C-alpha atoms as a PDB file:
ATOM      1  CA  UNK A   1     -48.520-150.725 122.226  1.00  0.00           C
ATOM      2  CA  UNK A   2     -49.897-147.393 122.782  1.00  0.00           C
ATOM      3  CA  UNK A   3     -53.322-149.213 123.836  1.00  0.00           C
ATOM      4  CA  UNK A   4     -54.468-146.813 126.112  1.00  0.00           C
ATOM      5  CA  UNK A   5     -54.493-143.788 123.472  1.00  0.00           C
ATOM      6  CA  UNK A   6     -57.715-142.427 122.770  1.00  0.00           C
ATOM      7  CA  UNK A   7     -59.113-143.386 118.916  1.00  0.00           C
ATOM      8  CA  UNK A   8     -56.808-141.914 116.241  1.00  0.00           C
ATOM      9  CA  UNK A   9     -58.477-139.835 113.503  1.00  0.00           C
ATOM     10  CA  UNK A  10     -59.679-142.024 110.597  1.00  0.00           C
ATOM     11  CA  UNK A  11     -58.128-143.893 108.142  1.00  0.00           C
ATOM     12  CA  UNK A  12     -55.247-144.883 110.776  1.00  0.00           C
ATOM     13  CA  UNK A  13     -54.063-147.735 110.198  1.00  0.00           C
ATOM     14  CA  UNK A  14     -53.026-150.497 113.542  1.00  0.00           C
ATOM     15  CA  UNK A  15     -50.019-152.427 113.601  1.00  0.00           C
ATOM     16  CA  UNK A  16     -48.227-151.447 109.974  1.00  0.00           C
ATOM     17  CA  UNK A  17     -45.522-153.256 109.218  1.00  0.00           C
ATOM     18  CA  UNK A  18     -42.831-150.688 108.416  1.00  0.00           C
ATOM     19  CA  UNK A  19     -40.465-152.708 106.674  1.00  0.00           C
ATOM     20  CA  UNK A  20     -42.675-152.125 103.550  1.00  0.00           C
ATOM     21  CA  UNK A  21     -41.958-148.759 103.973  1.00  0.00           C
ATOM     22  CA  UNK A  22     -38.165-148.959 104.213  1.00  0.00           C
ATOM     23  CA  UNK A  23     -35.540-149.718 101.718  1.00  0.00           C
ATOM     24  CA  UNK A  24     -33.784-151.964 103.229  1.00  0.00           C
ATOM     25  CA  UNK A  25     -36.575-153.805 104.266  1.00  0.00           C
ATOM     26  CA  UNK A  26     -36.264-154.891 108.419  1.00  0.00           C
ATOM     27  CA  UNK A  27     -37.738-154.059 110.943  1.00  0.00           C
ATOM     28  CA  UNK A  28     -41.138-154.439 113.010  1.00  0.00           C
ATOM     29  CA  UNK A  29     -44.820-152.692 112.870  1.00  0.00           C
ATOM     30  CA  UNK A  30     -45.952-149.055 113.704  1.00  0.00           C
ATOM     31  CA  UNK A  31     -48.654-149.154 116.410  1.00  0.00           C
ATOM     32  CA  UNK A  32     -50.291-146.364 114.142  1.00  0.00           C
ATOM     33  CA  UNK A  33     -49.803-145.462 110.294  1.00  0.00           C
ATOM     34  CA  UNK A  34     -51.650-142.338 108.875  1.00  0.00           C
ATOM     35  CA  UNK A  35     -51.112-140.974 105.440  1.00  0.00           C
ATOM     36  CA  UNK A  36     -52.345-137.515 105.538  1.00  0.00           C
ATOM     37  CA  UNK A  37     -52.904-136.035 102.582  1.00  0.00           C
ATOM     38  CA  UNK A  38     -53.829-132.343 103.153  1.00  0.00           C
ATOM     39  CA  UNK A  39     -52.250-129.636 106.123  1.00  0.00           C
ATOM     40  CA  UNK A  40     -55.195-130.003 107.991  1.00  0.00           C
ATOM     41  CA  UNK A  41     -55.223-133.677 108.077  1.00  0.00           C
ATOM     42  CA  UNK A  42     -51.851-133.433 108.847  1.00  0.00           C
ATOM     43  CA  UNK A  43     -52.024-131.002 111.931  1.00  0.00           C
ATOM     44  CA  UNK A  44     -55.394-132.955 113.314  1.00  0.00           C
ATOM     45  CA  UNK A  45     -52.998-136.480 113.371  1.00  0.00           C
ATOM     46  CA  UNK A  46     -50.276-134.038 115.415  1.00  0.00           C
ATOM     47  CA  UNK A  47     -52.809-133.018 117.549  1.00  0.00           C
ATOM     48  CA  UNK A  48     -54.251-136.201 118.468  1.00  0.00           C
ATOM     49  CA  UNK A  49     -50.832-137.654 118.884  1.00  0.00           C
ATOM     50  CA  UNK A  50     -49.356-134.896 121.209  1.00  0.00           C
ATOM     51  CA  UNK A  51     -52.797-135.089 123.426  1.00  0.00           C
ATOM     52  CA  UNK A  52     -52.629-138.953 123.487  1.00  0.00           C
ATOM     53  CA  UNK A  53     -48.721-138.606 124.639  1.00  0.00           C
ATOM     54  CA  UNK A  54     -48.076-140.839 121.271  1.00  0.00           C
ATOM     55  CA  UNK A  55     -44.592-140.361 119.908  1.00  0.00           C
ATOM     56  CA  UNK A  56     -44.817-139.181 115.761  1.00  0.00           C
ATOM     57  CA  UNK A  57     -42.274-140.312 112.925  1.00  0.00           C
ATOM     58  CA  UNK A  58     -42.339-139.068 109.181  1.00  0.00           C
ATOM     59  CA  UNK A  59     -41.710-142.056 107.211  1.00  0.00           C
ATOM     60  CA  UNK A  60     -40.363-140.209 103.720  1.00  0.00           C
ATOM     61  CA  UNK A  61     -38.575-142.524 101.148  1.00  0.00           C
ATOM     62  CA  UNK A  62     -37.230-145.082 103.749  1.00  0.00           C
ATOM     63  CA  UNK A  63     -34.194-144.817 102.239  1.00  0.00           C
ATOM     64  CA  UNK A  64     -32.418-143.940 105.254  1.00  0.00           C
ATOM     65  CA  UNK A  65     -34.143-145.686 107.597  1.00  0.00           C
ATOM     66  CA  UNK A  66     -33.421-148.147 109.888  1.00  0.00           C
ATOM     67  CA  UNK A  67     -36.375-149.829 112.197  1.00  0.00           C
ATOM     68  CA  UNK A  68     -36.309-151.677 115.257  1.00  0.00           C
ATOM     69  CA  UNK A  69     -37.048-155.281 114.960  1.00  0.00           C
ATOM     70  CA  UNK A  70     -39.645-155.166 117.605  1.00  0.00           C
ATOM     71  CA  UNK A  71     -41.429-152.127 115.586  1.00  0.00           C
ATOM     72  CA  UNK A  72     -42.134-148.142 116.718  1.00  0.00           C
ATOM     73  CA  UNK A  73     -44.614-147.586 119.446  1.00  0.00           C
ATOM     74  CA  UNK A  74     -45.906-144.351 118.068  1.00  0.00           C
ATOM     75  CA  UNK A  75     -47.600-142.633 114.745  1.00  0.00           C
ATOM     76  CA  UNK A  76     -46.149-142.968 111.506  1.00  0.00           C
ATOM     77  CA  UNK A  77     -46.823-140.535 108.808  1.00  0.00           C
ATOM     78  CA  UNK A  78     -46.522-140.711 105.207  1.00  0.00           C
ATOM     79  CA  UNK A  79     -47.445-137.650 103.761  1.00  0.00           C
ATOM     80  CA  UNK A  80     -49.469-137.568 100.467  1.00  0.00           C
ATOM     81  CA  UNK A  81     -51.313-136.331  97.480  1.00  0.00           C
ATOM     82  CA  UNK A  82     -51.467-132.237  98.488  1.00  0.00           C
ATOM     83  CA  UNK A  83     -48.665-132.908 100.680  1.00  0.00           C
ATOM     84  CA  UNK A  84     -46.284-134.082  98.124  1.00  0.00           C
ATOM     85  CA  UNK A  85     -46.738-132.146  94.961  1.00  0.00           C
ATOM     86  CA  UNK A  86     -44.180-129.974  93.511  1.00  0.00           C
ATOM     87  CA  UNK A  87     -45.012-126.534  91.824  1.00  0.00           C
ATOM     88  CA  UNK A  88     -43.185-122.986  90.217  1.00  0.00           C
ATOM     89  CA  UNK A  89     -43.907-119.648  91.046  1.00  0.00           C
ATOM     90  CA  UNK A  90     -41.606-117.776  88.977  1.00  0.00           C
ATOM     91  CA  UNK A  91     -37.675-118.737  90.068  1.00  0.00           C
ATOM     92  CA  UNK A  92     -39.447-120.105  92.959  1.00  0.00           C
ATOM     93  CA  UNK A  93     -40.033-123.823  93.141  1.00  0.00           C
ATOM     94  CA  UNK A  94     -42.775-124.968  95.940  1.00  0.00           C
ATOM     95  CA  UNK A  95     -42.748-128.854  97.547  1.00  0.00           C
ATOM     96  CA  UNK A  96     -44.658-130.516  99.645  1.00  0.00           C
ATOM     97  CA  UNK A  97     -42.894-132.346 102.345  1.00  0.00           C
ATOM     98  CA  UNK A  98     -43.836-135.332 101.296  1.00  0.00           C
ATOM     99  CA  UNK A  99     -42.391-135.073  97.333  1.00  0.00           C
ATOM    100  CA  UNK A 100     -39.525-137.030  96.559  1.00  0.00           C
ATOM    101  CA  UNK A 101     -36.415-134.812  96.004  1.00  0.00           C
ATOM    102  CA  UNK A 102     -35.129-136.316  92.696  1.00  0.00           C
ATOM    103  CA  UNK A 103     -38.952-135.501  91.099  1.00  0.00           C
ATOM    104  CA  UNK A 104     -38.359-131.853  92.333  1.00  0.00           C
ATOM    105  CA  UNK A 105     -34.707-131.855  90.760  1.00  0.00           C
ATOM    106  CA  UNK A 106     -36.195-133.035  87.418  1.00  0.00           C
ATOM    107  CA  UNK A 107     -38.933-130.763  87.225  1.00  0.00           C
ATOM    108  CA  UNK A 108     -36.945-127.890  88.131  1.00  0.00           C
ATOM    109  CA  UNK A 109     -34.080-128.613  85.328  1.00  0.00           C
ATOM    110  CA  UNK A 110     -37.342-128.762  82.748  1.00  0.00           C
ATOM    111  CA  UNK A 111     -38.693-125.231  83.931  1.00  0.00           C
ATOM    112  CA  UNK A 112     -34.667-124.149  83.321  1.00  0.00           C
ATOM    113  CA  UNK A 113     -34.650-123.850  86.891  1.00  0.00           C
ATOM    114  CA  UNK A 114     -30.907-124.541  88.888  1.00  0.00           C
ATOM    115  CA  UNK A 115     -29.620-125.030  92.431  1.00  0.00           C
ATOM    116  CA  UNK A 116     -30.806-128.320  93.394  1.00  0.00           C
ATOM    117  CA  UNK A 117     -29.415-130.655  90.837  1.00  0.00           C
ATOM    118  CA  UNK A 118     -27.474-132.704  93.477  1.00  0.00           C
ATOM    119  CA  UNK A 119     -31.294-133.369  94.556  1.00  0.00           C
ATOM    120  CA  UNK A 120     -31.677-136.563  91.645  1.00  0.00           C
ATOM    121  CA  UNK A 121     -28.821-138.219  93.603  1.00  0.00           C
ATOM    122  CA  UNK A 122     -30.678-138.079  97.143  1.00  0.00           C
ATOM    123  CA  UNK A 123     -33.859-141.189  97.003  1.00  0.00           C
ATOM    124  CA  UNK A 124     -35.587-139.370  99.798  1.00  0.00           C
ATOM    125  CA  UNK A 125     -38.491-136.927 100.459  1.00  0.00           C
ATOM    126  CA  UNK A 126     -38.088-132.691 100.830  1.00  0.00           C
ATOM    127  CA  UNK A 127     -39.246-132.902 104.173  1.00  0.00           C
ATOM    128  CA  UNK A 128     -36.691-135.645 105.547  1.00  0.00           C
ATOM    129  CA  UNK A 129     -33.991-133.648 103.349  1.00  0.00           C
ATOM    130  CA  UNK A 130     -34.322-130.357 104.976  1.00  0.00           C
ATOM    131  CA  UNK A 131     -34.736-131.807 108.494  1.00  0.00           C
ATOM    132  CA  UNK A 132     -31.062-133.709 107.571  1.00  0.00           C
ATOM    133  CA  UNK A 133     -29.414-130.335 105.449  1.00  0.00           C
ATOM    134  CA  UNK A 134     -29.038-132.936 102.587  1.00  0.00           C
ATOM    135  CA  UNK A 135     -25.917-132.667 100.228  1.00  0.00           C
ATOM    136  CA  UNK A 136     -24.285-134.805  97.715  1.00  0.00           C
ATOM    137  CA  UNK A 137     -21.660-134.031  94.948  1.00  0.00           C
ATOM    138  CA  UNK A 138     -20.926-130.226  95.845  1.00  0.00           C
ATOM    139  CA  UNK A 139     -24.617-129.559  96.485  1.00  0.00           C
ATOM    140  CA  UNK A 140     -26.368-128.539  99.591  1.00  0.00           C
ATOM    141  CA  UNK A 141     -30.259-127.977 100.418  1.00  0.00           C
ATOM    142  CA  UNK A 142     -29.087-124.780 102.791  1.00  0.00           C
ATOM    143  CA  UNK A 143     -28.032-122.931  99.816  1.00  0.00           C
ATOM    144  CA  UNK A 144     -31.231-122.616  98.042  1.00  0.00           C
ATOM    145  CA  UNK A 145     -33.729-123.487 100.997  1.00  0.00           C
ATOM    146  CA  UNK A 146     -35.818-120.067 101.092  1.00  0.00           C
ATOM    147  CA  UNK A 147     -38.324-121.279 104.044  1.00  0.00           C
ATOM    148  CA  UNK A 148     -40.855-123.999 105.135  1.00  0.00           C
ATOM    149  CA  UNK A 149     -43.794-124.284 106.768  1.00  0.00           C
ATOM    150  CA  UNK A 150     -43.896-126.117 109.910  1.00  0.00           C
ATOM    151  CA  UNK A 151     -46.854-128.144 111.374  1.00  0.00           C
ATOM    152  CA  UNK A 152     -47.517-129.039 114.941  1.00  0.00           C
ATOM    153  CA  UNK A 153     -50.422-130.184 117.169  1.00  0.00           C
ATOM    154  CA  UNK A 154     -50.517-126.542 117.480  1.00  0.00           C
ATOM    155  CA  UNK A 155     -50.967-125.335 113.550  1.00  0.00           C
ATOM    156  CA  UNK A 156     -49.201-124.456 110.797  1.00  0.00           C
ATOM    157  CA  UNK A 157     -45.960-121.530 110.461  1.00  0.00           C
ATOM    158  CA  UNK A 158     -43.820-120.139 108.298  1.00  0.00           C
ATOM    159  CA  UNK A 159     -39.777-120.470 109.115  1.00  0.00           C
ATOM    160  CA  UNK A 160     -37.118-119.000 106.797  1.00  0.00           C
ATOM    161  CA  UNK A 161     -34.213-121.486 106.554  1.00  0.00           C
ATOM    162  CA  UNK A 162     -31.913-119.541 108.904  1.00  0.00           C
ATOM    163  CA  UNK A 163     -34.055-120.544 112.097  1.00  0.00           C
ATOM    164  CA  UNK A 164     -34.071-124.075 111.036  1.00  0.00           C
ATOM    165  CA  UNK A 165     -30.554-124.812 112.598  1.00  0.00           C
ATOM    166  CA  UNK A 166     -29.237-126.398 109.876  1.00  0.00           C
ATOM    167  CA  UNK A 167     -26.176-127.967 110.002  1.00  0.00           C
ATOM    168  CA  UNK A 168     -23.850-131.032 108.529  1.00  0.00           C
ATOM    169  CA  UNK A 169     -26.537-133.706 108.133  1.00  0.00           C
ATOM    170  CA  UNK A 170     -28.625-132.456 110.941  1.00  0.00           C
ATOM    171  CA  UNK A 171     -31.274-129.609 111.997  1.00  0.00           C
ATOM    172  CA  UNK A 172     -33.059-128.094 114.846  1.00  0.00           C
ATOM    173  CA  UNK A 173     -36.198-129.518 113.915  1.00  0.00           C
ATOM    174  CA  UNK A 174     -38.095-131.901 116.410  1.00  0.00           C
ATOM    175  CA  UNK A 175     -39.794-135.103 115.831  1.00  0.00           C
ATOM    176  CA  UNK A 176     -43.122-133.608 116.650  1.00  0.00           C
ATOM    177  CA  UNK A 177     -42.316-130.560 114.022  1.00  0.00           C
ATOM    178  CA  UNK A 178     -43.381-131.865 110.751  1.00  0.00           C
ATOM    179  CA  UNK A 179     -42.664-130.165 107.158  1.00  0.00           C
ATOM    180  CA  UNK A 180     -45.390-129.844 105.384  1.00  0.00           C
ATOM    181  CA  UNK A 181     -43.807-127.230 102.572  1.00  0.00           C
ATOM    182  CA  UNK A 182     -40.930-126.215 101.217  1.00  0.00           C
ATOM    183  CA  UNK A 183     -39.776-123.229  98.935  1.00  0.00           C
ATOM    184  CA  UNK A 184     -36.359-123.372  97.396  1.00  0.00           C
ATOM    185  CA  UNK A 185     -34.892-119.911  95.305  1.00  0.00           C
ATOM    186  CA  UNK A 186     -33.580-121.055  92.345  1.00  0.00           C
ATOM    187  CA  UNK A 187     -31.649-119.469  89.323  1.00  0.00           C
ATOM    188  CA  UNK A 188     -32.412-119.443  85.705  1.00  0.00           C
ATOM    189  CA  UNK A 189     -30.323-122.045  83.522  1.00  0.00           C
ATOM    190  CA  UNK A 190     -30.744-123.573  80.054  1.00  0.00           C
ATOM    191  CA  UNK A 191     -32.870-126.660  80.752  1.00  0.00           C
ATOM    192  CA  UNK A 192     -30.469-128.696  78.454  1.00  0.00           C
ATOM    193  CA  UNK A 193     -27.334-128.161  80.337  1.00  0.00           C
ATOM    194  CA  UNK A 194     -28.704-128.546  83.699  1.00  0.00           C
ATOM    195  CA  UNK A 195     -30.623-132.006  83.046  1.00  0.00           C
ATOM    196  CA  UNK A 196     -27.128-133.024  81.308  1.00  0.00           C
ATOM    197  CA  UNK A 197     -25.455-132.093  84.778  1.00  0.00           C
ATOM    198  CA  UNK A 198     -28.162-134.367  86.611  1.00  0.00           C
ATOM    199  CA  UNK A 199     -27.192-137.282  83.739  1.00  0.00           C
ATOM    200  CA  UNK A 200     -23.508-136.826  85.237  1.00  0.00           C
ATOM    201  CA  UNK A 201     -24.473-137.100  88.209  1.00  0.00           C
ATOM    202  CA  UNK A 202     -26.898-140.145  88.271  1.00  0.00           C
ATOM    203  CA  UNK A 203     -23.405-141.807  85.862  1.00  0.00           C
ATOM    204  CA  UNK A 204     -20.920-141.536  88.978  1.00  0.00           C
ATOM    205  CA  UNK A 205     -24.007-142.511  91.559  1.00  0.00           C
ATOM    206  CA  UNK A 206     -24.153-145.440  89.269  1.00  0.00           C
ATOM    207  CA  UNK A 207     -20.442-146.495  89.206  1.00  0.00           C
ATOM    208  CA  UNK A 208     -19.738-145.833  92.588  1.00  0.00           C
ATOM    209  CA  UNK A 209     -22.780-147.311  94.435  1.00  0.00           C
ATOM    210  CA  UNK A 210     -24.543-150.547  94.604  1.00  0.00           C
ATOM    211  CA  UNK A 211     -28.111-150.492  93.049  1.00  0.00           C
ATOM    212  CA  UNK A 212     -31.053-152.973  92.458  1.00  0.00           C
ATOM    213  CA  UNK A 213     -30.825-154.541  96.276  1.00  0.00           C
ATOM    214  CA  UNK A 214     -32.328-153.806  99.422  1.00  0.00           C
ATOM    215  CA  UNK A 215     -30.499-151.637 101.223  1.00  0.00           C
ATOM    216  CA  UNK A 216     -30.214-147.724 102.570  1.00  0.00           C
ATOM    217  CA  UNK A 217     -28.448-144.864 102.106  1.00  0.00           C
ATOM    218  CA  UNK A 218     -24.626-144.041 103.484  1.00  0.00           C
ATOM    219  CA  UNK A 219     -24.478-146.006 106.625  1.00  0.00           C
ATOM    220  CA  UNK A 220     -21.874-143.574 108.340  1.00  0.00           C
ATOM    221  CA  UNK A 221     -21.454-140.233 108.166  1.00  0.00           C
ATOM    222  CA  UNK A 222     -17.962-138.881 106.764  1.00  0.00           C
ATOM    223  CA  UNK A 223     -15.585-137.799 109.552  1.00  0.00           C
ATOM    224  CA  UNK A 224     -14.540-134.132 109.907  1.00  0.00           C
ATOM    225  CA  UNK A 225     -11.021-135.149 112.084  1.00  0.00           C
ATOM    226  CA  UNK A 226      -7.627-135.001 111.263  1.00  0.00           C
ATOM    227  CA  UNK A 227      -7.319-138.913 111.781  1.00  0.00           C
ATOM    228  CA  UNK A 228      -9.248-139.533 108.593  1.00  0.00           C
ATOM    229  CA  UNK A 229      -6.526-138.133 106.442  1.00  0.00           C
ATOM    230  CA  UNK A 230      -9.336-136.227 104.495  1.00  0.00           C
ATOM    231  CA  UNK A 231     -11.060-140.105 103.411  1.00  0.00           C
ATOM    232  CA  UNK A 232     -14.573-140.292 103.353  1.00  0.00           C
ATOM    233  CA  UNK A 233     -16.344-143.029 105.928  1.00  0.00           C
ATOM    234  CA  UNK A 234     -16.612-145.379 102.668  1.00  0.00           C
ATOM    235  CA  UNK A 235     -12.793-145.105 101.996  1.00  0.00           C
ATOM    236  CA  UNK A 236     -12.041-145.684 105.662  1.00  0.00           C
ATOM    237  CA  UNK A 237     -13.916-148.705 105.691  1.00  0.00           C
ATOM    238  CA  UNK A 238     -12.503-150.356 102.687  1.00  0.00           C
ATOM    239  CA  UNK A 239      -9.410-149.524 104.184  1.00  0.00           C
ATOM    240  CA  UNK A 240     -10.002-151.453 107.132  1.00  0.00           C
ATOM    241  CA  UNK A 241     -11.637-154.260 104.834  1.00  0.00           C
ATOM    242  CA  UNK A 242     -15.331-154.141 105.795  1.00  0.00           C
ATOM    243  CA  UNK A 243     -16.401-154.508 102.073  1.00  0.00           C
ATOM    244  CA  UNK A 244     -17.920-158.035 102.280  1.00  0.00           C
ATOM    245  CA  UNK A 245     -18.437-157.714 105.631  1.00  0.00           C
ATOM    246  CA  UNK A 246     -21.174-159.681 106.809  1.00  0.00           C
ATOM    247  CA  UNK A 247     -23.283-160.647 109.936  1.00  0.00           C
ATOM    248  CA  UNK A 248     -26.451-163.391 109.113  1.00  0.00           C
ATOM    249  CA  UNK A 249     -28.448-161.765 105.666  1.00  0.00           C
ATOM    250  CA  UNK A 250     -26.868-158.159 106.338  1.00  0.00           C
ATOM    251  CA  UNK A 251     -23.336-157.533 104.350  1.00  0.00           C
ATOM    252  CA  UNK A 252     -21.285-154.107 103.792  1.00  0.00           C
ATOM    253  CA  UNK A 253     -21.111-153.730  99.660  1.00  0.00           C
ATOM    254  CA  UNK A 254     -18.131-154.902  97.915  1.00  0.00           C
ATOM    255  CA  UNK A 255     -18.395-151.526  95.729  1.00  0.00           C
ATOM    256  CA  UNK A 256     -19.024-149.140  98.222  1.00  0.00           C
ATOM    257  CA  UNK A 257     -18.359-150.292 101.567  1.00  0.00           C
ATOM    258  CA  UNK A 258     -20.859-147.843 103.265  1.00  0.00           C
ATOM    259  CA  UNK A 259     -23.567-149.099 102.258  1.00  0.00           C
ATOM    260  CA  UNK A 260     -25.360-152.328 103.842  1.00  0.00           C
ATOM    261  CA  UNK A 261     -27.005-154.678 101.518  1.00  0.00           C
ATOM    262  CA  UNK A 262     -29.913-157.047 102.595  1.00  0.00           C
ATOM    263  CA  UNK A 263     -29.039-160.282 100.859  1.00  0.00           C
ATOM    264  CA  UNK A 264     -32.338-161.722 101.719  1.00  0.00           C
ATOM    265  CA  UNK A 265     -33.652-162.077 104.964  1.00  0.00           C
ATOM    266  CA  UNK A 266     -31.090-160.005 107.447  1.00  0.00           C
ATOM    267  CA  UNK A 267     -32.783-158.440 110.415  1.00  0.00           C
ATOM    268  CA  UNK A 268     -32.097-155.010 112.017  1.00  0.00           C
ATOM    269  CA  UNK A 269     -30.464-156.714 115.127  1.00  0.00           C
ATOM    270  CA  UNK A 270     -28.232-158.514 112.533  1.00  0.00           C
ATOM    271  CA  UNK A 271     -27.817-154.662 110.810  1.00  0.00           C
ATOM    272  CA  UNK A 272     -26.471-153.299 113.805  1.00  0.00           C
ATOM    273  CA  UNK A 273     -24.289-155.802 115.087  1.00  0.00           C
ATOM    274  CA  UNK A 274     -22.423-155.256 111.490  1.00  0.00           C
ATOM    275  CA  UNK A 275     -22.334-151.941 111.649  1.00  0.00           C
ATOM    276  CA  UNK A 276     -20.828-152.476 115.512  1.00  0.00           C
ATOM    277  CA  UNK A 277     -17.736-154.790 113.819  1.00  0.00           C
ATOM    278  CA  UNK A 278     -17.079-152.455 110.998  1.00  0.00           C
ATOM    279  CA  UNK A 279     -17.138-149.386 113.277  1.00  0.00           C
ATOM    280  CA  UNK A 280     -14.834-151.720 115.587  1.00  0.00           C
ATOM    281  CA  UNK A 281     -12.518-152.160 112.410  1.00  0.00           C
ATOM    282  CA  UNK A 282     -12.021-148.943 111.301  1.00  0.00           C
ATOM    283  CA  UNK A 283     -11.503-147.459 114.694  1.00  0.00           C
ATOM    284  CA  UNK A 284      -8.334-150.752 114.726  1.00  0.00           C
ATOM    285  CA  UNK A 285      -6.713-149.223 111.595  1.00  0.00           C
ATOM    286  CA  UNK A 286      -7.333-145.307 111.959  1.00  0.00           C
ATOM    287  CA  UNK A 287      -8.180-144.460 115.240  1.00  0.00           C
ATOM    288  CA  UNK A 288     -11.324-142.883 113.594  1.00  0.00           C
ATOM    289  CA  UNK A 289     -14.944-143.212 115.293  1.00  0.00           C
ATOM    290  CA  UNK A 290     -17.691-143.165 112.727  1.00  0.00           C
ATOM    291  CA  UNK A 291     -20.732-142.043 113.719  1.00  0.00           C
ATOM    292  CA  UNK A 292     -24.493-143.405 111.814  1.00  0.00           C
ATOM    293  CA  UNK A 293     -25.853-140.973 109.106  1.00  0.00           C
ATOM    294  CA  UNK A 294     -28.790-143.577 108.707  1.00  0.00           C
ATOM    295  CA  UNK A 295     -31.664-142.835 110.981  1.00  0.00           C
ATOM    296  CA  UNK A 296     -33.176-145.481 113.569  1.00  0.00           C
ATOM    297  CA  UNK A 297     -36.795-145.682 114.223  1.00  0.00           C
ATOM    298  CA  UNK A 298     -38.045-147.363 117.776  1.00  0.00           C
ATOM    299  CA  UNK A 299     -35.911-149.136 120.507  1.00  0.00           C
ATOM    300  CA  UNK A 300     -32.855-150.299 118.504  1.00  0.00           C
ATOM    301  CA  UNK A 301     -30.651-152.342 120.546  1.00  0.00           C
ATOM    302  CA  UNK A 302     -26.978-151.575 120.139  1.00  0.00           C
ATOM    303  CA  UNK A 303     -23.864-154.135 120.991  1.00  0.00           C
ATOM    304  CA  UNK A 304     -22.347-153.402 123.959  1.00  0.00           C
ATOM    305  CA  UNK A 305     -18.893-153.062 122.076  1.00  0.00           C
ATOM    306  CA  UNK A 306     -20.726-150.120 119.977  1.00  0.00           C
ATOM    307  CA  UNK A 307     -20.684-148.058 123.394  1.00  0.00           C
ATOM    308  CA  UNK A 308     -17.163-148.801 123.976  1.00  0.00           C
ATOM    309  CA  UNK A 309     -16.105-146.228 121.667  1.00  0.00           C
ATOM    310  CA  UNK A 310     -15.860-142.939 122.218  1.00  0.00           C
ATOM    311  CA  UNK A 311     -15.160-140.050 119.688  1.00  0.00           C
END
């Protein structure tokens, strides 16, 4: 524990159970949790953490997050208030890093602005979506992202999208760099047509993916190698017989095998064991080595069999 660190800024909670902030509901506590409500408070927290040698992690919607059972030895940040606002500026939409991407997509549609409709099906925050260059249903965040404000312990700076190192489900942003604002340059469109498109996207997601359960987003990224034969991670898992595969309280969904379900009191250790077994089955079935898409926080211990498979 970071018990030797100097006292953090006020309103910082200690030993906060992070499972409350993760949609799969597993994992242990963070040494510190803070909910900065504006850019100055965020920078003060980052400055404290940097000076104290404390690790930093931003908790968005917790929908793509797997927390170690032992927790996180550092400062977890949950952006709120002005850091989660969504505003319009002509054909530009300005979002706080803590704003929910589905909310941004819905508001843009109401304003008659098109370009981020796909965000309606990504249950995360804008900051997390930028960090992971989120994409779905043919849409990609990088296509409309104009610039972001990046905060560190040294202050805030604006960076244009091309300087973020955006790539498939990743970027060059470090954990100590936190997005406070993102600007999306959109195009005018018919509000009703945009809303109809989003409704169709929501329906496709409902038909294909599990809902109403404790889960996170896609477990593995879609492979791009020739061995996959154009199949997605979910298709490879299904073809390898992984749908319904279970370890303790963790199970791969029978509806969509690339989704882990917490059937009750699953642990993170059970989830990573399940992921390892599924990865092996896919490799034995197709020769493809799947890579995780879910983000891990803390010292998650992967089974020995995980490291034995190399892309």
